[in-house]
Amino acid sequence: MKKILSVFLALLFSFTFCVAVWADGDEGQSADYITDYYMIVESRDGGINIYASTDISGGKLNNQLIPNGTALHIKGEKKDAAGKEWGLTEYHKMKGFVLFDDLKPVTITEAVKSELSVLGAEETDENVVVGAKAGSVKMYTGPGEKFPEISSSEILNGETVLISMKAETEDGNLWGKVTGREKEGWINLSEAGERKGTGKGSERAVDKKAPAPTEMPKVTETPTATEVPKATETPAATEVPKATETPVATEVPKATETQKPTKALEKTEKEATEETAETASSKNVDAVSGLFMNPVLWVVAALILIALIFLYFLKLK
């Protein structure tokens, strides 16, 4: 009987100790509410810090301020002892808390635009043949994995995609915006593979090689044709002004076909449709996950189990 009681007490102590250690180890990174929305940094100081917990004295995780305009994915909310609200987020692969005092809630579309402005995104026109080590690349709504992944948009190795914009994120990865597909979004070019060709870029490259053919002016050796001045004996040469009829040159307005800006308009139309489709997900509280993460329930369940085992041994006696 004494042995059974000793075993029971030992098991109870061990389990209680393990639960206490587990709960304490995750206490600083837990949130009161699980959320899923975006905010951008707007601080008079030009940026904010990210902390390991809601206690500033615990120290900050970043070496440099997170600059204004940076989009942050808020995954949870928590209040400190003073009643201040904090947001649980991730920056530079560092998970921590940021104060809401210097943050502004925005939609996903607004978050992407603000992020592109901070990163200094540039327009381009490049073709990329995907050749990722993983065999494929995922597509996101913005330049970075902090933005939502687009479902059923995985691009397999060997596929060629058109990149219309690119931006280098704070972690050093180069991201490109994929266009011309049923679903458009951003992929990590650092993982996707090397650039194999270009759209307009390749045309420009061809134009640069083209000057070689411009050596054709050697054909301008036809100044022999300039011997025509003999024909100048005839004022008919004055008919050359008829050449001035080359208002055909006025056809240059065809160059105005460079309504390529209209492509930009088309893009803005697509972006407009994307803006209407994309809305910031509201704060979602995952009450079920909070229930199962409650260490008190685990302790109660363990005590009930151990009590049943204890009663079983008493009946055997």
C-alpha atoms as a PDB file:
ATOM      1  CA  MET A   1       0.000   0.000   0.000  1.00  0.00           C
ATOM      2  CA  LYS A   2       2.795   2.397   0.903  1.00  0.00           C
ATOM      3  CA  LYS A   3       4.603   1.543  -2.357  1.00  0.00           C
ATOM      4  CA  ILE A   4       1.486   2.307  -4.399  1.00  0.00           C
ATOM      5  CA  LEU A   5       1.028   5.620  -2.593  1.00  0.00           C
ATOM      6  CA  SER A   6       4.678   6.532  -3.163  1.00  0.00           C
ATOM      7  CA  VAL A   7       4.433   5.769  -6.870  1.00  0.00           C
ATOM      8  CA  PHE A   8       1.250   7.836  -7.098  1.00  0.00           C
ATOM      9  CA  LEU A   9       2.834  10.859  -5.403  1.00  0.00           C
ATOM     10  CA  ALA A  10       5.978  10.584  -7.547  1.00  0.00           C
ATOM     11  CA  LEU A  11       3.976  10.519 -10.772  1.00  0.00           C
ATOM     12  CA  LEU A  12       1.828  13.427  -9.643  1.00  0.00           C
ATOM     13  CA  PHE A  13       4.869  15.557  -8.753  1.00  0.00           C
ATOM     14  CA  SER A  14       6.665  14.783 -12.031  1.00  0.00           C
ATOM     15  CA  PHE A  15       3.651  15.610 -14.168  1.00  0.00           C
ATOM     16  CA  THR A  16       2.943  18.859 -12.305  1.00  0.00           C
ATOM     17  CA  PHE A  17       6.579  19.951 -12.672  1.00  0.00           C
ATOM     18  CA  CYS A  18       6.646  19.222 -16.415  1.00  0.00           C
ATOM     19  CA  VAL A  19       3.441  21.176 -17.036  1.00  0.00           C
ATOM     20  CA  ALA A  20       4.753  24.138 -15.048  1.00  0.00           C
ATOM     21  CA  VAL A  21       8.014  24.232 -17.025  1.00  0.00           C
ATOM     22  CA  TRP A  22       6.181  23.913 -20.352  1.00  0.00           C
ATOM     23  CA  ALA A  23       3.750  26.694 -19.498  1.00  0.00           C
ATOM     24  CA  ASP A  24       6.504  29.012 -18.268  1.00  0.00           C
ATOM     25  CA  GLY A  25       8.631  28.439 -21.389  1.00  0.00           C
ATOM     26  CA  ASP A  26       5.855  29.597 -23.711  1.00  0.00           C
ATOM     27  CA  GLU A  27       4.390  32.257 -21.445  1.00  0.00           C
ATOM     28  CA  GLY A  28       6.288  35.169 -23.011  1.00  0.00           C
ATOM     29  CA  GLN A  29       5.184  34.306 -26.557  1.00  0.00           C
ATOM     30  CA  SER A  30       1.511  33.516 -25.868  1.00  0.00           C
ATOM     31  CA  ALA A  31      -1.350  35.853 -26.721  1.00  0.00           C
ATOM     32  CA  ASP A  32      -4.728  36.511 -25.126  1.00  0.00           C
ATOM     33  CA  TYR A  33      -6.403  36.310 -28.541  1.00  0.00           C
ATOM     34  CA  ILE A  34      -5.447  34.631 -31.805  1.00  0.00           C
ATOM     35  CA  THR A  35      -5.902  37.065 -34.720  1.00  0.00           C
ATOM     36  CA  ASP A  36      -5.176  37.363 -38.444  1.00  0.00           C
ATOM     37  CA  TYR A  37      -4.950  40.888 -39.856  1.00  0.00           C
ATOM     38  CA  TYR A  38      -2.408  43.505 -40.995  1.00  0.00           C
ATOM     39  CA  MET A  39      -1.090  46.816 -39.672  1.00  0.00           C
ATOM     40  CA  ILE A  40       1.543  49.247 -40.956  1.00  0.00           C
ATOM     41  CA  VAL A  41       4.104  51.136 -38.904  1.00  0.00           C
ATOM     42  CA  GLU A  42       3.414  54.860 -38.398  1.00  0.00           C
ATOM     43  CA  SER A  43       5.704  56.331 -35.754  1.00  0.00           C
ATOM     44  CA  ARG A  44       7.009  59.841 -35.091  1.00  0.00           C
ATOM     45  CA  ASP A  45      10.372  58.226 -34.398  1.00  0.00           C
ATOM     46  CA  GLY A  46      10.501  56.839 -37.935  1.00  0.00           C
ATOM     47  CA  GLY A  47      10.044  53.263 -36.785  1.00  0.00           C
ATOM     48  CA  ILE A  48       9.333  50.882 -33.893  1.00  0.00           C
ATOM     49  CA  ASN A  49      10.966  48.046 -31.961  1.00  0.00           C
ATOM     50  CA  ILE A  50       9.893  44.443 -31.499  1.00  0.00           C
ATOM     51  CA  TYR A  51      10.187  42.874 -28.035  1.00  0.00           C
ATOM     52  CA  ALA A  52      10.418  39.307 -26.774  1.00  0.00           C
ATOM     53  CA  SER A  53       7.435  39.934 -24.479  1.00  0.00           C
ATOM     54  CA  THR A  54       5.005  42.661 -23.482  1.00  0.00           C
ATOM     55  CA  ASP A  55       7.540  43.761 -20.877  1.00  0.00           C
ATOM     56  CA  ILE A  56       9.882  46.378 -22.410  1.00  0.00           C
ATOM     57  CA  SER A  57      12.449  45.687 -19.739  1.00  0.00           C
ATOM     58  CA  GLY A  58      12.807  42.223 -21.250  1.00  0.00           C
ATOM     59  CA  GLY A  59      14.768  43.754 -24.123  1.00  0.00           C
ATOM     60  CA  LYS A  60      14.162  44.305 -27.836  1.00  0.00           C
ATOM     61  CA  LEU A  61      14.916  41.753 -30.558  1.00  0.00           C
ATOM     62  CA  ASN A  62      15.856  44.129 -33.387  1.00  0.00           C
ATOM     63  CA  ASN A  63      19.089  46.061 -33.918  1.00  0.00           C
ATOM     64  CA  GLN A  64      17.480  48.700 -36.147  1.00  0.00           C
ATOM     65  CA  LEU A  65      14.023  50.243 -36.044  1.00  0.00           C
ATOM     66  CA  ILE A  66      11.310  48.624 -38.126  1.00  0.00           C
ATOM     67  CA  PRO A  67      10.778  51.537 -40.592  1.00  0.00           C
ATOM     68  CA  ASN A  68       7.534  53.402 -41.146  1.00  0.00           C
ATOM     69  CA  GLY A  69       5.357  51.883 -43.831  1.00  0.00           C
ATOM     70  CA  THR A  70       6.410  48.312 -43.053  1.00  0.00           C
ATOM     71  CA  ALA A  71       3.480  45.900 -43.101  1.00  0.00           C
ATOM     72  CA  LEU A  72       3.163  43.552 -40.100  1.00  0.00           C
ATOM     73  CA  HIS A  73       0.983  40.447 -39.851  1.00  0.00           C
ATOM     74  CA  ILE A  74      -0.667  40.540 -36.419  1.00  0.00           C
ATOM     75  CA  LYS A  75      -1.225  36.942 -35.291  1.00  0.00           C
ATOM     76  CA  GLY A  76      -2.378  37.674 -31.746  1.00  0.00           C
ATOM     77  CA  GLU A  77      -3.219  40.352 -29.165  1.00  0.00           C
ATOM     78  CA  LYS A  78      -2.218  40.760 -25.540  1.00  0.00           C
ATOM     79  CA  LYS A  79      -2.559  43.377 -22.799  1.00  0.00           C
ATOM     80  CA  ASP A  80       0.219  44.132 -20.321  1.00  0.00           C
ATOM     81  CA  ALA A  81      -0.146  44.941 -16.619  1.00  0.00           C
ATOM     82  CA  ALA A  82      -0.623  48.640 -17.448  1.00  0.00           C
ATOM     83  CA  GLY A  83      -3.456  47.866 -19.869  1.00  0.00           C
ATOM     84  CA  LYS A  84      -1.496  48.658 -23.030  1.00  0.00           C
ATOM     85  CA  GLU A  85      -2.304  46.569 -26.090  1.00  0.00           C
ATOM     86  CA  TRP A  86       0.400  44.600 -27.916  1.00  0.00           C
ATOM     87  CA  GLY A  87       0.388  42.638 -31.145  1.00  0.00           C
ATOM     88  CA  LEU A  88       2.129  39.310 -31.663  1.00  0.00           C
ATOM     89  CA  THR A  89       3.966  39.314 -35.022  1.00  0.00           C
ATOM     90  CA  GLU A  90       7.090  38.108 -36.814  1.00  0.00           C
ATOM     91  CA  TYR A  91       9.856  40.253 -38.325  1.00  0.00           C
ATOM     92  CA  HIS A  92      13.130  39.013 -39.825  1.00  0.00           C
ATOM     93  CA  LYS A  93      12.046  35.554 -38.628  1.00  0.00           C
ATOM     94  CA  MET A  94      11.949  36.911 -35.071  1.00  0.00           C
ATOM     95  CA  LYS A  95       8.693  36.289 -33.214  1.00  0.00           C
ATOM     96  CA  GLY A  96       7.792  39.001 -30.720  1.00  0.00           C
ATOM     97  CA  PHE A  97       5.447  41.797 -29.626  1.00  0.00           C
ATOM     98  CA  VAL A  98       4.921  45.346 -30.933  1.00  0.00           C
ATOM     99  CA  LEU A  99       2.952  48.155 -29.290  1.00  0.00           C
ATOM    100  CA  PHE A 100      -0.266  49.214 -31.031  1.00  0.00           C
ATOM    101  CA  ASP A 101       0.452  52.892 -30.246  1.00  0.00           C
ATOM    102  CA  ASP A 102       2.437  53.340 -33.480  1.00  0.00           C
ATOM    103  CA  LEU A 103       0.505  50.955 -35.756  1.00  0.00           C
ATOM    104  CA  LYS A 104      -2.346  51.553 -38.202  1.00  0.00           C
ATOM    105  CA  PRO A 105      -4.795  48.793 -39.249  1.00  0.00           C
ATOM    106  CA  VAL A 106      -5.076  48.331 -43.031  1.00  0.00           C
ATOM    107  CA  THR A 107      -6.438  45.930 -45.633  1.00  0.00           C
ATOM    108  CA  ILE A 108      -4.168  43.372 -47.303  1.00  0.00           C
ATOM    109  CA  THR A 109      -4.092  45.432 -50.502  1.00  0.00           C
ATOM    110  CA  GLU A 110      -3.047  48.555 -48.588  1.00  0.00           C
ATOM    111  CA  ALA A 111      -0.441  46.549 -46.698  1.00  0.00           C
ATOM    112  CA  VAL A 112       1.083  45.266 -49.964  1.00  0.00           C
ATOM    113  CA  LYS A 113       1.210  48.773 -51.500  1.00  0.00           C
ATOM    114  CA  SER A 114       2.849  50.216 -48.394  1.00  0.00           C
ATOM    115  CA  GLU A 115       5.385  47.373 -48.279  1.00  0.00           C
ATOM    116  CA  LEU A 116       6.308  47.895 -51.956  1.00  0.00           C
ATOM    117  CA  SER A 117       6.874  51.579 -51.298  1.00  0.00           C
ATOM    118  CA  VAL A 118       9.213  50.813 -48.393  1.00  0.00           C
ATOM    119  CA  LEU A 119      11.125  48.180 -50.376  1.00  0.00           C
ATOM    120  CA  GLY A 120      11.449  50.432 -53.431  1.00  0.00           C
ATOM    121  CA  ALA A 121       9.899  47.952 -55.870  1.00  0.00           C
ATOM    122  CA  GLU A 122      10.748  48.373 -59.558  1.00  0.00           C
ATOM    123  CA  GLU A 123       8.801  47.523 -62.693  1.00  0.00           C
ATOM    124  CA  THR A 124      10.407  45.008 -65.047  1.00  0.00           C
ATOM    125  CA  ASP A 125       9.567  42.653 -67.896  1.00  0.00           C
ATOM    126  CA  GLU A 126      11.388  39.353 -67.473  1.00  0.00           C
ATOM    127  CA  ASN A 127      10.746  35.696 -68.159  1.00  0.00           C
ATOM    128  CA  VAL A 128      11.793  33.221 -65.476  1.00  0.00           C
ATOM    129  CA  VAL A 129      11.971  29.458 -65.862  1.00  0.00           C
ATOM    130  CA  VAL A 130      11.184  27.916 -62.477  1.00  0.00           C
ATOM    131  CA  GLY A 131      13.847  25.552 -61.197  1.00  0.00           C
ATOM    132  CA  ALA A 132      13.397  25.407 -57.425  1.00  0.00           C
ATOM    133  CA  LYS A 133      15.104  22.815 -55.240  1.00  0.00           C
ATOM    134  CA  ALA A 134      11.713  21.954 -53.754  1.00  0.00           C
ATOM    135  CA  GLY A 135      10.347  21.171 -57.221  1.00  0.00           C
ATOM    136  CA  SER A 136       7.946  24.121 -57.210  1.00  0.00           C
ATOM    137  CA  VAL A 137       7.363  27.585 -55.773  1.00  0.00           C
ATOM    138  CA  LYS A 138       4.387  29.001 -53.914  1.00  0.00           C
ATOM    139  CA  MET A 139       2.621  32.222 -54.816  1.00  0.00           C
ATOM    140  CA  TYR A 140       1.709  34.881 -52.241  1.00  0.00           C
ATOM    141  CA  THR A 141      -0.469  38.009 -52.328  1.00  0.00           C
ATOM    142  CA  GLY A 142       2.554  40.184 -51.534  1.00  0.00           C
ATOM    143  CA  PRO A 143       6.375  40.180 -51.483  1.00  0.00           C
ATOM    144  CA  GLY A 144       7.017  37.930 -48.496  1.00  0.00           C
ATOM    145  CA  GLU A 145       5.703  34.900 -46.650  1.00  0.00           C
ATOM    146  CA  LYS A 146       4.025  37.187 -44.125  1.00  0.00           C
ATOM    147  CA  PHE A 147       1.345  37.756 -46.760  1.00  0.00           C
ATOM    148  CA  PRO A 148      -1.359  35.110 -47.396  1.00  0.00           C
ATOM    149  CA  GLU A 149      -0.508  32.227 -49.711  1.00  0.00           C
ATOM    150  CA  ILE A 150      -2.666  32.015 -52.834  1.00  0.00           C
ATOM    151  CA  SER A 151      -4.408  28.653 -52.921  1.00  0.00           C
ATOM    152  CA  SER A 152      -3.951  26.310 -55.896  1.00  0.00           C
ATOM    153  CA  SER A 153      -1.316  28.592 -57.410  1.00  0.00           C
ATOM    154  CA  GLU A 154       1.801  26.448 -57.050  1.00  0.00           C
ATOM    155  CA  ILE A 155       4.189  26.797 -60.017  1.00  0.00           C
ATOM    156  CA  LEU A 156       6.096  23.638 -60.958  1.00  0.00           C
ATOM    157  CA  ASN A 157       9.695  23.405 -62.181  1.00  0.00           C
ATOM    158  CA  GLY A 158      10.072  23.940 -65.908  1.00  0.00           C
ATOM    159  CA  GLU A 159       7.240  26.455 -66.176  1.00  0.00           C
ATOM    160  CA  THR A 160       8.047  29.896 -67.579  1.00  0.00           C
ATOM    161  CA  VAL A 161       6.479  32.904 -65.855  1.00  0.00           C
ATOM    162  CA  LEU A 162       6.428  36.599 -66.707  1.00  0.00           C
ATOM    163  CA  ILE A 163       7.701  38.925 -63.986  1.00  0.00           C
ATOM    164  CA  SER A 164       6.324  42.472 -64.159  1.00  0.00           C
ATOM    165  CA  MET A 165       7.693  43.831 -60.862  1.00  0.00           C
ATOM    166  CA  LYS A 166      10.428  42.882 -58.417  1.00  0.00           C
ATOM    167  CA  ALA A 167      11.444  43.891 -54.900  1.00  0.00           C
ATOM    168  CA  GLU A 168      14.136  42.853 -52.423  1.00  0.00           C
ATOM    169  CA  THR A 169      12.741  42.194 -48.941  1.00  0.00           C
ATOM    170  CA  GLU A 170      14.416  43.053 -45.650  1.00  0.00           C
ATOM    171  CA  ASP A 171      15.709  39.484 -45.286  1.00  0.00           C
ATOM    172  CA  GLY A 172      17.661  39.757 -48.559  1.00  0.00           C
ATOM    173  CA  ASN A 173      15.349  37.653 -50.752  1.00  0.00           C
ATOM    174  CA  LEU A 174      14.338  38.892 -54.212  1.00  0.00           C
ATOM    175  CA  TRP A 175      10.607  38.622 -54.956  1.00  0.00           C
ATOM    176  CA  GLY A 176       8.866  39.002 -58.304  1.00  0.00           C
ATOM    177  CA  LYS A 177       5.243  39.631 -59.278  1.00  0.00           C
ATOM    178  CA  VAL A 178       3.913  36.990 -61.664  1.00  0.00           C
ATOM    179  CA  THR A 179       1.459  38.284 -64.288  1.00  0.00           C
ATOM    180  CA  GLY A 180      -0.238  36.878 -67.369  1.00  0.00           C
ATOM    181  CA  ARG A 181      -1.664  33.846 -65.540  1.00  0.00           C
ATOM    182  CA  GLU A 182      -5.126  32.953 -64.279  1.00  0.00           C
ATOM    183  CA  LYS A 183      -3.896  33.731 -60.781  1.00  0.00           C
ATOM    184  CA  GLU A 184      -1.344  36.492 -60.238  1.00  0.00           C
ATOM    185  CA  GLY A 185       0.846  36.997 -57.198  1.00  0.00           C
ATOM    186  CA  TRP A 186       4.394  37.105 -55.834  1.00  0.00           C
ATOM    187  CA  ILE A 187       7.038  34.360 -55.826  1.00  0.00           C
ATOM    188  CA  ASN A 188      10.452  34.168 -54.199  1.00  0.00           C
ATOM    189  CA  LEU A 189      12.840  34.559 -57.151  1.00  0.00           C
ATOM    190  CA  SER A 190      15.760  33.614 -54.910  1.00  0.00           C
ATOM    191  CA  GLU A 191      14.242  30.129 -54.722  1.00  0.00           C
ATOM    192  CA  ALA A 192      12.526  29.961 -58.115  1.00  0.00           C
ATOM    193  CA  GLY A 193      15.647  29.857 -60.305  1.00  0.00           C
ATOM    194  CA  GLU A 194      17.666  31.998 -62.670  1.00  0.00           C
ATOM    195  CA  ARG A 195      16.308  34.395 -65.241  1.00  0.00           C
ATOM    196  CA  LYS A 196      16.411  32.708 -68.643  1.00  0.00           C
ATOM    197  CA  GLY A 197      15.076  35.439 -70.888  1.00  0.00           C
ATOM    198  CA  THR A 198      13.292  38.755 -70.999  1.00  0.00           C
ATOM    199  CA  GLY A 199      10.312  40.327 -72.629  1.00  0.00           C
ATOM    200  CA  LYS A 200      11.051  43.946 -73.448  1.00  0.00           C
ATOM    201  CA  GLY A 201      14.503  43.484 -72.071  1.00  0.00           C
ATOM    202  CA  SER A 202      15.385  40.910 -74.708  1.00  0.00           C
ATOM    203  CA  GLU A 203      14.021  43.186 -77.409  1.00  0.00           C
ATOM    204  CA  ARG A 204      16.280  45.908 -76.154  1.00  0.00           C
ATOM    205  CA  ALA A 205      19.172  43.521 -76.234  1.00  0.00           C
ATOM    206  CA  VAL A 206      18.384  42.734 -79.857  1.00  0.00           C
ATOM    207  CA  ASP A 207      18.208  46.441 -80.596  1.00  0.00           C
ATOM    208  CA  LYS A 208      21.682  46.843 -79.183  1.00  0.00           C
ATOM    209  CA  LYS A 209      22.979  44.168 -81.490  1.00  0.00           C
ATOM    210  CA  ALA A 210      21.076  45.788 -84.324  1.00  0.00           C
ATOM    211  CA  PRO A 211      23.499  48.710 -84.615  1.00  0.00           C
ATOM    212  CA  ALA A 212      25.772  46.257 -86.366  1.00  0.00           C
ATOM    213  CA  PRO A 213      23.316  46.108 -89.237  1.00  0.00           C
ATOM    214  CA  THR A 214      23.295  49.896 -89.088  1.00  0.00           C
ATOM    215  CA  GLU A 215      26.723  49.500 -90.586  1.00  0.00           C
ATOM    216  CA  MET A 216      24.530  49.368 -93.661  1.00  0.00           C
ATOM    217  CA  PRO A 217      25.180  53.087 -93.915  1.00  0.00           C
ATOM    218  CA  LYS A 218      28.245  51.833 -95.707  1.00  0.00           C
ATOM    219  CA  VAL A 219      25.662  51.308 -98.364  1.00  0.00           C
ATOM    220  CA  THR A 220      25.387  55.054 -98.105  1.00  0.00           C
ATOM    221  CA  GLU A 221      28.417  54.782-100.326  1.00  0.00           C
ATOM    222  CA  THR A 222      25.635  55.320-102.834  1.00  0.00           C
ATOM    223  CA  PRO A 223      26.653  58.957-102.799  1.00  0.00           C
ATOM    224  CA  THR A 224      26.928  57.914-106.384  1.00  0.00           C
ATOM    225  CA  ALA A 225      23.293  58.641-106.169  1.00  0.00           C
ATOM    226  CA  THR A 226      24.408  62.059-105.089  1.00  0.00           C
ATOM    227  CA  GLU A 227      25.701  62.306-108.611  1.00  0.00           C
ATOM    228  CA  VAL A 228      22.071  62.995-109.183  1.00  0.00           C
ATOM    229  CA  PRO A 229      22.935  66.610-108.535  1.00  0.00           C
ATOM    230  CA  LYS A 230      23.665  66.429-112.249  1.00  0.00           C
ATOM    231  CA  ALA A 231      19.970  66.035-112.419  1.00  0.00           C
ATOM    232  CA  THR A 232      19.836  69.228-110.431  1.00  0.00           C
ATOM    233  CA  GLU A 233      20.201  70.790-113.801  1.00  0.00           C
ATOM    234  CA  THR A 234      16.536  70.123-113.845  1.00  0.00           C
ATOM    235  CA  PRO A 235      14.593  72.056-111.268  1.00  0.00           C
ATOM    236  CA  ALA A 236      12.742  68.793-111.058  1.00  0.00           C
ATOM    237  CA  ALA A 237      15.131  68.144-108.241  1.00  0.00           C
ATOM    238  CA  THR A 238      13.153  70.750-106.496  1.00  0.00           C
ATOM    239  CA  GLU A 239      10.456  68.188-106.622  1.00  0.00           C
ATOM    240  CA  VAL A 240      12.289  66.856-103.655  1.00  0.00           C
ATOM    241  CA  PRO A 241      10.016  69.025-101.554  1.00  0.00           C
ATOM    242  CA  LYS A 242       7.434  66.519-102.687  1.00  0.00           C
ATOM    243  CA  ALA A 243       9.464  64.265-100.534  1.00  0.00           C
ATOM    244  CA  THR A 244       8.426  66.628 -97.856  1.00  0.00           C
ATOM    245  CA  GLU A 245       5.076  65.069 -98.518  1.00  0.00           C
ATOM    246  CA  THR A 246       6.567  62.614 -96.138  1.00  0.00           C
ATOM    247  CA  PRO A 247       4.003  63.726 -93.619  1.00  0.00           C
ATOM    248  CA  VAL A 248       4.132  59.978 -93.605  1.00  0.00           C
ATOM    249  CA  ALA A 249       6.565  60.847 -90.929  1.00  0.00           C
ATOM    250  CA  THR A 250       3.542  62.172 -89.215  1.00  0.00           C
ATOM    251  CA  GLU A 251       2.612  58.543 -89.058  1.00  0.00           C
ATOM    252  CA  VAL A 252       5.010  58.710 -86.181  1.00  0.00           C
ATOM    253  CA  PRO A 253       1.961  59.277 -84.046  1.00  0.00           C
ATOM    254  CA  LYS A 254       1.637  55.552 -84.632  1.00  0.00           C
ATOM    255  CA  ALA A 255       4.442  55.567 -82.206  1.00  0.00           C
ATOM    256  CA  THR A 256       1.785  56.848 -79.929  1.00  0.00           C
ATOM    257  CA  GLU A 257       0.785  53.226 -80.058  1.00  0.00           C
ATOM    258  CA  THR A 258       3.038  53.310 -77.082  1.00  0.00           C
ATOM    259  CA  GLN A 259      -0.191  53.269 -75.266  1.00  0.00           C
ATOM    260  CA  LYS A 260       1.741  50.735 -73.292  1.00  0.00           C
ATOM    261  CA  PRO A 261       0.682  52.929 -70.425  1.00  0.00           C
ATOM    262  CA  THR A 262      -2.740  51.466 -71.162  1.00  0.00           C
ATOM    263  CA  LYS A 263      -1.185  48.209 -70.100  1.00  0.00           C
ATOM    264  CA  ALA A 264      -0.526  49.977 -66.864  1.00  0.00           C
ATOM    265  CA  LEU A 265      -4.168  50.994 -66.873  1.00  0.00           C
ATOM    266  CA  GLU A 266      -5.105  47.365 -67.481  1.00  0.00           C
ATOM    267  CA  LYS A 267      -2.861  46.412 -64.613  1.00  0.00           C
ATOM    268  CA  THR A 268      -4.489  48.991 -62.385  1.00  0.00           C
ATOM    269  CA  GLU A 269      -7.851  47.571 -63.424  1.00  0.00           C
ATOM    270  CA  LYS A 270      -6.634  44.117 -62.377  1.00  0.00           C
ATOM    271  CA  GLU A 271      -5.323  45.567 -59.160  1.00  0.00           C
ATOM    272  CA  ALA A 272      -8.686  47.291 -58.656  1.00  0.00           C
ATOM    273  CA  THR A 273     -10.420  43.957 -59.009  1.00  0.00           C
ATOM    274  CA  GLU A 274      -7.900  42.460 -56.647  1.00  0.00           C
ATOM    275  CA  GLU A 275      -8.587  45.247 -54.164  1.00  0.00           C
ATOM    276  CA  THR A 276     -12.287  44.513 -54.274  1.00  0.00           C
ATOM    277  CA  ALA A 277     -11.561  40.800 -53.841  1.00  0.00           C
ATOM    278  CA  GLU A 278      -9.085  41.221 -51.064  1.00  0.00           C
ATOM    279  CA  THR A 279     -10.244  42.335 -47.686  1.00  0.00           C
ATOM    280  CA  ALA A 280      -8.450  42.235 -44.449  1.00  0.00           C
ATOM    281  CA  SER A 281      -9.595  39.281 -42.466  1.00  0.00           C
ATOM    282  CA  SER A 282     -11.154  40.358 -39.247  1.00  0.00           C
ATOM    283  CA  LYS A 283      -9.812  39.459 -35.902  1.00  0.00           C
ATOM    284  CA  ASN A 284     -10.461  35.747 -35.456  1.00  0.00           C
ATOM    285  CA  VAL A 285     -10.314  34.376 -31.977  1.00  0.00           C
ATOM    286  CA  ASP A 286      -9.378  30.742 -31.901  1.00  0.00           C
ATOM    287  CA  ALA A 287     -11.138  29.783 -28.687  1.00  0.00           C
ATOM    288  CA  VAL A 288     -10.761  26.052 -29.344  1.00  0.00           C
ATOM    289  CA  SER A 289      -6.954  26.227 -29.595  1.00  0.00           C
ATOM    290  CA  GLY A 290      -6.881  28.314 -26.403  1.00  0.00           C
ATOM    291  CA  LEU A 291      -8.932  25.583 -24.653  1.00  0.00           C
ATOM    292  CA  PHE A 292      -6.549  22.796 -25.520  1.00  0.00           C
ATOM    293  CA  MET A 293      -3.520  24.905 -24.642  1.00  0.00           C
ATOM    294  CA  ASN A 294      -4.802  25.440 -21.060  1.00  0.00           C
ATOM    295  CA  PRO A 295      -2.349  23.606 -18.762  1.00  0.00           C
ATOM    296  CA  VAL A 296      -4.917  23.439 -15.918  1.00  0.00           C
ATOM    297  CA  LEU A 297      -7.140  21.114 -17.968  1.00  0.00           C
ATOM    298  CA  TRP A 298      -4.171  18.846 -18.644  1.00  0.00           C
ATOM    299  CA  VAL A 299      -3.370  18.684 -14.890  1.00  0.00           C
ATOM    300  CA  VAL A 300      -6.984  17.852 -13.981  1.00  0.00           C
ATOM    301  CA  ALA A 301      -7.119  15.142 -16.651  1.00  0.00           C
ATOM    302  CA  ALA A 302      -3.874  13.644 -15.387  1.00  0.00           C
ATOM    303  CA  LEU A 303      -5.090  13.639 -11.756  1.00  0.00           C
ATOM    304  CA  ILE A 304      -8.297  11.812 -12.761  1.00  0.00           C
ATOM    305  CA  LEU A 305      -6.310   9.202 -14.690  1.00  0.00           C
ATOM    306  CA  ILE A 306      -3.895   8.623 -11.816  1.00  0.00           C
ATOM    307  CA  ALA A 307      -6.795   8.359  -9.309  1.00  0.00           C
ATOM    308  CA  LEU A 308      -8.415   5.661 -11.429  1.00  0.00           C
ATOM    309  CA  ILE A 309      -5.150   3.696 -11.521  1.00  0.00           C
ATOM    310  CA  PHE A 310      -4.827   4.067  -7.740  1.00  0.00           C
ATOM    311  CA  LEU A 311      -8.354   2.733  -7.146  1.00  0.00           C
ATOM    312  CA  TYR A 312      -7.650  -0.222  -9.415  1.00  0.00           C
ATOM    313  CA  PHE A 313      -4.628  -1.247  -7.317  1.00  0.00           C
ATOM    314  CA  LEU A 314      -6.700  -0.904  -4.110  1.00  0.00           C
ATOM    315  CA  LYS A 315      -9.284  -3.320  -5.483  1.00  0.00           C
ATOM    316  CA  LEU A 316      -6.524  -5.830  -6.278  1.00  0.00           C
ATOM    317  CA  LYS A 317      -5.443  -5.681  -2.655  1.00  0.00           C
END
